[in-house]
Amino acid sequence: MKRGTVIVLFLVLAAAVLLMGLYSYSALFPPKSDKEFDTVKVTRRDLGATVQATGIVKAVVGAEVKVGSRVPGKVVELPVNVGQKVTKGQVIARIEQEDLEAKVKLREAALAEAEAEKERLRKDLDRDSNLAGKDSISAQRFDTTLAQYHVAKARVDKAEAELVIAKTELSYATLTAPIDGTVASVNTIQGETVTTGLNAPTFMKIIDLSRLEVWAYVDENDIGNVRTGQEAIFTVASYPGEEFKGKVTSIYPSATIQDNVVYYITTVDVDNRDEKLRPDMTTDVLIYLDQRKGVLCVPNKALRREGGRRLVYCLDNAAIHTREVKTGWRNTSHTEILEGLTERDLVVIGEVPENMIRRGDD
């Protein structure tokens, strides 16, 4: 057989094998028809009107306390550290107390001296009272004794007050936790000398993590629909996919302006007994204004707008028809259909070539 003939036969055989391969591939993996579209059925579901807002986790009033010293001196004991749990009344720091204890003893001695003088003058007064009743002493002497007794009595009252002050100052040298909570920060160290001025120096900050709330910044366009008691959910970046529930507890009457946008702080209570949430975490908040049960809905991405009309594309007998609809409530994923569709109608999601759309219902 000639060489040219062999080459021709080889090329013919190769072409035949290629054609058979293409045919087999097209049979196994047929191309998607231009008339195949993503569709969903119109169904009934619970739908709630919502307001979206960003927010931040905050401690409620009284749940975050700064503990400071009211007396100057050296810190001789600091038994707690950041992150440690403390209970109300637990000792969290001590200031040197020797000079304060000496003041207490000095005031106690002054009080004892004043009481002794008062007791001596009381006896003088009793004696002079008996003598005055018998006209054995002059009225002037009796008046002098009586005045001296009242002065001694006043000195006792003064000494008692000064002793109370000294004991109170001594008590200031022992700092205790004012609430149950977690130590959030410590601003001094053992051995450091603190001074007092107009403001007491802050030793540490304690936060009760079980008493937090969310400050949701609600746009002025939505705040008119928000009421206390409405349910809300929110998420934080630290726990993706987990939703935290709460209720609207208050709406601030004054506005907050950020980037020329007017917001109103709306507080949402938080059940944080497991202490997952921390102050200053950012949140995405969804406030439920109301809820309707079993309403006819379509996904938001199935709705289209043409002029002033709301439309959907319906698939019926392999043809696509436009259907004008009247819509109601809307949330982040679905919209209520009031008129224009029935349950189990198929609506198209995604782009559709213009030449495949039949305008109207016919």
Protein backbone atom coordinates (compact mmCIF):
# COMPACT_ATOMS: atom_id res chain seq x y z
CA MET A 1 0.00 0.00 0.00
CA LYS A 2 1.29 3.38 -0.92
CA ARG A 3 2.39 5.77 1.81
CA GLY A 4 -0.10 8.49 0.75
CA THR A 5 -2.97 6.04 0.95
CA VAL A 6 -1.96 5.07 4.55
CA ILE A 7 -1.91 8.71 5.64
CA VAL A 8 -5.37 9.35 4.17
CA LEU A 9 -6.84 6.29 5.90
CA PHE A 10 -5.28 7.38 9.23
CA LEU A 11 -6.79 10.86 8.97
CA VAL A 12 -10.23 9.44 8.12
CA LEU A 13 -10.06 7.08 11.12
CA ALA A 14 -8.99 9.88 13.46
CA ALA A 15 -11.83 12.09 12.30
CA ALA A 16 -14.32 9.28 12.86
CA VAL A 17 -13.05 8.68 16.40
CA LEU A 18 -13.28 12.44 17.17
CA LEU A 19 -16.86 12.66 15.93
CA MET A 20 -17.87 9.64 17.98
CA GLY A 21 -16.32 11.22 21.07
CA LEU A 22 -18.14 14.51 20.56
CA TYR A 23 -21.41 12.66 20.06
CA SER A 24 -20.94 10.64 23.24
CA TYR A 25 -20.08 13.78 25.30
CA SER A 26 -23.12 15.66 24.02
CA ALA A 27 -25.29 12.68 24.88
CA LEU A 28 -23.94 12.45 28.42
CA PHE A 29 -23.72 16.22 29.06
CA PRO A 30 -26.39 17.93 26.98
CA PRO A 31 -26.15 21.73 26.88
CA LYS A 32 -28.61 23.64 29.05
CA SER A 33 -31.54 24.83 27.04
CA ASP A 34 -32.10 28.55 26.75
CA LYS A 35 -35.61 27.83 27.98
CA GLU A 36 -34.51 26.37 31.33
CA PHE A 37 -34.77 28.86 34.21
CA ASP A 38 -34.51 28.86 37.99
CA THR A 39 -38.03 28.92 39.41
CA VAL A 40 -39.64 28.80 42.84
CA LYS A 41 -43.19 28.11 43.90
CA VAL A 42 -45.31 30.78 45.45
CA THR A 43 -45.86 29.56 49.01
CA ARG A 44 -47.32 30.66 52.30
CA ARG A 45 -45.09 31.54 55.23
CA ASP A 46 -44.91 33.68 58.35
CA LEU A 47 -43.67 37.15 57.52
CA GLY A 48 -42.69 39.99 59.77
CA ALA A 49 -42.09 43.63 58.97
CA THR A 50 -38.67 44.55 60.32
CA VAL A 51 -36.28 47.43 60.84
CA GLN A 52 -32.57 46.86 60.40
CA ALA A 53 -29.94 48.77 62.35
CA THR A 54 -26.36 48.53 63.47
CA GLY A 55 -25.56 48.76 67.13
CA ILE A 56 -23.12 48.22 69.96
CA VAL A 57 -23.21 46.22 73.20
CA LYS A 58 -23.19 48.41 76.31
CA ALA A 59 -23.39 47.85 80.06
CA VAL A 60 -26.67 49.02 81.58
CA VAL A 61 -26.58 51.88 84.07
CA GLY A 62 -25.14 50.58 87.33
CA ALA A 63 -23.56 47.48 85.79
CA GLU A 64 -20.19 49.19 85.25
CA VAL A 65 -18.54 50.77 88.29
CA LYS A 66 -15.22 52.55 88.68
CA VAL A 67 -13.64 51.96 92.08
CA GLY A 68 -11.38 54.70 93.44
CA SER A 69 -9.56 55.68 96.62
CA ARG A 70 -10.77 58.55 98.83
CA VAL A 71 -7.61 58.65 100.93
CA PRO A 72 -3.97 59.03 99.84
CA GLY A 73 -1.29 56.48 100.65
CA LYS A 74 0.68 53.48 99.47
CA VAL A 75 -1.13 50.46 98.04
CA VAL A 76 -0.11 47.62 100.34
CA GLU A 77 -2.49 44.95 99.01
CA LEU A 78 -4.00 44.35 95.58
CA PRO A 79 -5.34 40.77 95.51
CA VAL A 80 -7.34 40.89 92.26
CA ASN A 81 -6.44 41.08 88.58
CA VAL A 82 -8.11 41.69 85.23
CA GLY A 83 -10.68 39.06 84.32
CA GLN A 84 -11.17 37.86 87.89
CA LYS A 85 -14.67 37.40 89.30
CA VAL A 86 -15.48 39.38 92.44
CA THR A 87 -18.49 39.50 94.73
CA LYS A 88 -20.06 42.50 96.40
CA GLY A 89 -18.17 43.37 99.60
CA GLN A 90 -15.02 41.43 98.66
CA VAL A 91 -11.74 43.22 99.51
CA ILE A 92 -10.06 44.30 96.28
CA ALA A 93 -7.35 46.65 97.62
CA ARG A 94 -5.88 48.09 100.81
CA ILE A 95 -4.10 51.40 101.44
CA GLU A 96 -1.53 51.75 104.24
CA GLN A 97 -3.44 52.34 107.48
CA GLU A 98 -0.92 53.09 110.25
CA ASP A 99 -1.49 56.87 110.27
CA LEU A 100 -5.25 56.43 109.99
CA GLU A 101 -5.30 53.95 112.86
CA ALA A 102 -3.25 56.42 114.95
CA LYS A 103 -5.84 59.12 114.23
CA VAL A 104 -8.59 56.83 115.45
CA LYS A 105 -6.72 56.17 118.72
CA LEU A 106 -6.09 59.89 119.16
CA ARG A 107 -9.80 60.66 118.71
CA GLU A 108 -10.76 57.87 121.09
CA ALA A 109 -8.45 59.37 123.75
CA ALA A 110 -9.89 62.86 123.17
CA LEU A 111 -13.39 61.46 123.55
CA ALA A 112 -12.47 59.71 126.80
CA GLU A 113 -10.98 62.93 128.16
CA ALA A 114 -14.09 64.92 127.20
CA GLU A 115 -16.38 62.36 128.80
CA ALA A 116 -14.34 62.44 132.03
CA GLU A 117 -14.56 66.23 132.17
CA LYS A 118 -18.27 66.07 131.46
CA GLU A 119 -18.77 63.56 134.28
CA ARG A 120 -16.81 65.79 136.75
CA LEU A 121 -18.87 68.83 135.82
CA ARG A 122 -22.10 66.82 136.08
CA LYS A 123 -21.27 66.06 139.69
CA ASP A 124 -20.48 69.75 140.31
CA LEU A 125 -23.80 70.66 138.76
CA ASP A 126 -25.69 68.19 140.95
CA ARG A 127 -24.00 69.54 144.09
CA ASP A 128 -24.55 73.18 143.18
CA SER A 129 -28.17 72.44 142.32
CA ASN A 130 -28.75 71.16 145.85
CA LEU A 131 -26.98 74.17 147.35
CA ALA A 132 -28.87 76.60 145.14
CA GLY A 133 -32.12 75.05 146.33
CA LYS A 134 -31.12 75.93 149.90
CA ASP A 135 -29.90 79.40 148.91
CA SER A 136 -26.40 78.35 150.04
CA ILE A 137 -24.67 79.62 146.88
CA SER A 138 -25.17 82.61 144.70
CA ALA A 139 -27.13 82.43 141.48
CA GLN A 140 -24.05 83.55 139.58
CA ARG A 141 -22.04 80.54 140.76
CA PHE A 142 -24.82 78.16 139.80
CA ASP A 143 -25.07 79.71 136.34
CA THR A 144 -21.30 79.33 135.89
CA THR A 145 -21.40 75.63 136.85
CA LEU A 146 -24.34 75.02 134.53
CA ALA A 147 -22.56 76.71 131.62
CA GLN A 148 -19.38 74.72 132.23
CA TYR A 149 -21.38 71.49 132.14
CA HIS A 150 -23.02 72.38 128.81
CA VAL A 151 -19.57 73.23 127.36
CA ALA A 152 -18.25 69.87 128.50
CA LYS A 153 -21.26 68.13 126.95
CA ALA A 154 -20.63 69.91 123.62
CA ARG A 155 -16.98 68.86 123.72
CA VAL A 156 -18.07 65.24 124.09
CA ASP A 157 -20.35 65.59 121.04
CA LYS A 158 -17.48 67.13 119.10
CA ALA A 159 -15.07 64.36 120.12
CA GLU A 160 -17.61 61.70 119.10
CA ALA A 161 -18.02 63.33 115.65
CA GLU A 162 -14.27 63.55 115.16
CA LEU A 163 -13.94 59.86 116.08
CA VAL A 164 -16.60 58.96 113.49
CA ILE A 165 -14.66 60.92 110.84
CA ALA A 166 -11.42 59.16 111.79
CA LYS A 167 -13.03 55.72 111.62
CA THR A 168 -14.64 56.58 108.28
CA GLU A 169 -11.29 57.63 106.82
CA LEU A 170 -9.81 54.39 108.11
CA SER A 171 -12.57 52.44 106.35
CA TYR A 172 -11.68 54.21 103.08
CA ALA A 173 -8.29 52.51 103.20
CA THR A 174 -9.97 49.15 102.56
CA LEU A 175 -11.56 49.04 99.11
CA THR A 176 -14.35 46.53 98.51
CA ALA A 177 -16.27 45.53 95.38
CA PRO A 178 -19.52 47.54 95.16
CA ILE A 179 -21.19 44.95 92.88
CA ASP A 180 -20.85 41.35 91.75
CA GLY A 181 -18.95 41.30 88.49
CA THR A 182 -15.72 40.87 86.56
CA VAL A 183 -12.64 43.06 86.91
CA ALA A 184 -12.38 44.86 83.56
CA SER A 185 -9.27 46.95 84.23
CA VAL A 186 -6.74 47.65 86.98
CA ASN A 187 -5.01 51.03 86.91
CA THR A 188 -2.51 50.72 89.77
CA ILE A 189 0.00 48.26 91.20
CA GLN A 190 0.91 47.11 94.68
CA GLY A 191 3.47 49.44 96.24
CA GLU A 192 2.36 52.50 94.28
CA THR A 193 1.52 55.65 96.23
CA VAL A 194 -1.77 57.27 95.28
CA THR A 195 -2.83 60.84 95.92
CA THR A 196 -6.29 62.35 96.04
CA GLY A 197 -7.44 65.62 94.60
CA LEU A 198 -10.65 66.86 93.09
CA ASN A 199 -11.21 63.42 91.53
CA ALA A 200 -10.55 60.16 93.33
CA PRO A 201 -7.99 58.06 91.46
CA THR A 202 -9.55 55.03 89.77
CA PHE A 203 -8.09 51.75 90.98
CA MET A 204 -10.11 49.45 88.76
CA LYS A 205 -13.30 49.01 86.79
CA ILE A 206 -15.78 46.23 87.52
CA ILE A 207 -18.49 45.14 85.07
CA ASP A 208 -21.46 42.87 85.67
CA LEU A 209 -21.50 41.02 82.34
CA SER A 210 -24.96 39.61 83.05
CA ARG A 211 -26.43 43.13 82.79
CA LEU A 212 -25.81 44.28 79.23
CA GLU A 213 -27.94 45.86 76.54
CA VAL A 214 -27.64 46.76 72.87
CA TRP A 215 -27.72 50.32 71.61
CA ALA A 216 -29.28 50.05 68.15
CA TYR A 217 -28.89 53.14 65.94
CA VAL A 218 -32.25 53.32 64.14
CA ASP A 219 -32.60 55.62 61.11
CA GLU A 220 -35.00 58.54 61.50
CA ASN A 221 -37.07 57.13 58.60
CA ASP A 222 -37.82 53.97 60.61
CA ILE A 223 -37.99 55.19 64.19
CA GLY A 224 -41.69 56.12 63.90
CA ASN A 225 -42.60 52.41 63.63
CA VAL A 226 -40.50 51.25 66.59
CA ARG A 227 -42.16 50.69 69.97
CA THR A 228 -41.01 49.41 73.33
CA GLY A 229 -41.76 45.72 73.82
CA GLN A 230 -41.14 44.76 70.20
CA GLU A 231 -39.04 41.65 69.73
CA ALA A 232 -35.57 41.91 68.23
CA ILE A 233 -32.71 39.65 67.24
CA PHE A 234 -29.08 40.57 66.69
CA THR A 235 -25.79 38.98 65.70
CA VAL A 236 -22.17 39.71 66.53
CA ALA A 237 -19.06 38.91 64.53
CA SER A 238 -17.60 36.85 67.40
CA TYR A 239 -20.33 34.20 67.03
CA PRO A 240 -21.21 33.92 63.31
CA GLY A 241 -24.48 32.18 62.65
CA GLU A 242 -25.77 32.58 66.22
CA GLU A 243 -28.73 34.85 66.91
CA PHE A 244 -29.35 36.58 70.23
CA LYS A 245 -32.89 37.55 71.19
CA GLY A 246 -34.18 40.55 73.10
CA LYS A 247 -36.89 43.20 73.31
CA VAL A 248 -36.93 46.96 72.79
CA THR A 249 -36.76 48.58 76.22
CA SER A 250 -36.42 52.30 75.45
CA ILE A 251 -36.04 54.86 72.67
CA TYR A 252 -33.87 57.92 73.27
CA PRO A 253 -35.79 61.14 72.55
CA SER A 254 -32.70 63.03 71.36
CA ALA A 255 -30.99 62.23 68.08
CA THR A 256 -27.45 61.14 67.30
CA ILE A 257 -25.95 62.39 64.04
CA GLN A 258 -23.30 60.32 62.26
CA ASP A 259 -22.03 61.16 58.76
CA ASN A 260 -24.94 63.61 58.34
CA VAL A 261 -27.47 60.84 59.02
CA VAL A 262 -29.90 61.17 61.92
CA TYR A 263 -30.23 58.14 64.19
CA TYR A 264 -32.12 57.46 67.41
CA ILE A 265 -30.62 55.13 69.98
CA THR A 266 -32.99 52.25 70.70
CA THR A 267 -32.02 49.94 73.55
CA VAL A 268 -32.60 46.18 73.39
CA ASP A 269 -32.29 44.03 76.50
CA VAL A 270 -29.91 41.05 76.49
CA ASP A 271 -29.93 37.74 78.32
CA ASN A 272 -26.19 37.35 78.84
CA ARG A 273 -26.09 34.97 81.77
CA ASP A 274 -23.63 32.80 79.86
CA GLU A 275 -21.45 35.94 79.44
CA LYS A 276 -20.74 35.37 75.75
CA LEU A 277 -21.25 39.02 74.92
CA ARG A 278 -18.79 41.73 75.93
CA PRO A 279 -19.16 45.52 76.03
CA ASP A 280 -18.41 47.42 72.80
CA MET A 281 -19.07 44.45 70.49
CA THR A 282 -20.70 45.66 67.26
CA THR A 283 -24.07 44.18 66.33
CA ASP A 284 -26.47 43.84 63.41
CA VAL A 285 -29.97 44.29 64.81
CA LEU A 286 -33.33 43.29 63.36
CA ILE A 287 -36.40 44.72 65.13
CA TYR A 288 -39.73 42.99 64.40
CA LEU A 289 -42.42 45.60 64.02
CA ASP A 290 -45.21 43.03 63.64
CA GLN A 291 -45.80 39.56 62.22
CA ARG A 292 -48.32 37.96 59.90
CA LYS A 293 -48.97 34.25 59.79
CA GLY A 294 -49.33 32.17 56.60
CA VAL A 295 -49.25 34.95 54.01
CA LEU A 296 -48.55 34.40 50.30
CA CYS A 297 -44.88 35.21 49.61
CA VAL A 298 -42.23 35.23 46.90
CA PRO A 299 -38.48 35.78 47.25
CA ASN A 300 -37.46 39.42 46.92
CA LYS A 301 -35.24 38.62 43.95
CA ALA A 302 -38.30 37.40 41.99
CA LEU A 303 -39.84 40.89 42.00
CA ARG A 304 -39.15 43.35 39.21
CA ARG A 305 -40.08 46.96 38.68
CA GLU A 306 -41.18 48.44 35.37
CA GLY A 307 -42.26 52.02 35.57
CA GLY A 308 -44.53 52.26 38.55
CA ARG A 309 -45.59 48.62 38.42
CA ARG A 310 -44.36 45.61 40.37
CA LEU A 311 -44.03 42.52 38.21
CA VAL A 312 -42.98 38.90 38.39
CA TYR A 313 -42.15 36.50 35.55
CA CYS A 314 -44.34 33.40 35.72
CA LEU A 315 -43.45 30.13 33.98
CA ASP A 316 -46.56 28.50 32.52
CA ASN A 317 -46.51 25.71 29.91
CA ALA A 318 -42.84 26.39 29.12
CA ALA A 319 -43.64 30.04 28.39
CA ILE A 320 -42.79 33.10 30.47
CA HIS A 321 -45.53 35.61 31.17
CA THR A 322 -45.37 38.89 33.06
CA ARG A 323 -47.73 39.18 35.98
CA GLU A 324 -48.47 42.45 37.73
CA VAL A 325 -48.69 42.02 41.50
CA LYS A 326 -49.67 44.04 44.52
CA THR A 327 -47.22 43.67 47.38
CA GLY A 328 -47.49 44.04 51.15
CA TRP A 329 -44.93 43.53 53.88
CA ARG A 330 -41.32 42.84 53.11
CA ASN A 331 -38.39 41.48 55.12
CA THR A 332 -34.81 40.73 54.18
CA SER A 333 -35.67 37.69 52.04
CA HIS A 334 -39.38 37.61 51.11
CA THR A 335 -42.25 39.92 50.13
CA GLU A 336 -45.95 39.44 50.76
CA ILE A 337 -48.17 39.13 47.66
CA LEU A 338 -51.63 40.63 48.10
CA GLU A 339 -52.89 40.28 44.51
CA GLY A 340 -51.75 38.80 41.22
CA LEU A 341 -50.51 35.31 42.17
CA THR A 342 -51.90 32.10 43.59
CA GLU A 343 -50.29 29.46 45.69
CA ARG A 344 -48.00 27.09 43.70
CA ASP A 345 -47.56 29.48 40.76
CA LEU A 346 -44.00 29.25 39.45
CA VAL A 347 -42.05 32.50 39.41
CA VAL A 348 -38.71 32.95 37.65
CA ILE A 349 -35.59 34.09 39.47
CA GLY A 350 -32.76 35.62 37.50
CA GLU A 351 -32.37 37.28 34.13
CA VAL A 352 -34.64 36.37 31.23
CA PRO A 353 -33.99 37.26 27.54
CA GLU A 354 -36.40 39.97 26.44
CA ASN A 355 -37.49 38.02 23.36
CA MET A 356 -38.77 35.16 25.54
CA ILE A 357 -41.10 37.30 27.65
CA ARG A 358 -44.79 37.53 26.83
CA ARG A 359 -46.19 40.80 28.11
CA GLY A 360 -49.50 40.49 29.90
CA ASP A 361 -51.21 37.29 30.94
CA ASP A 362 -51.77 35.88 27.45
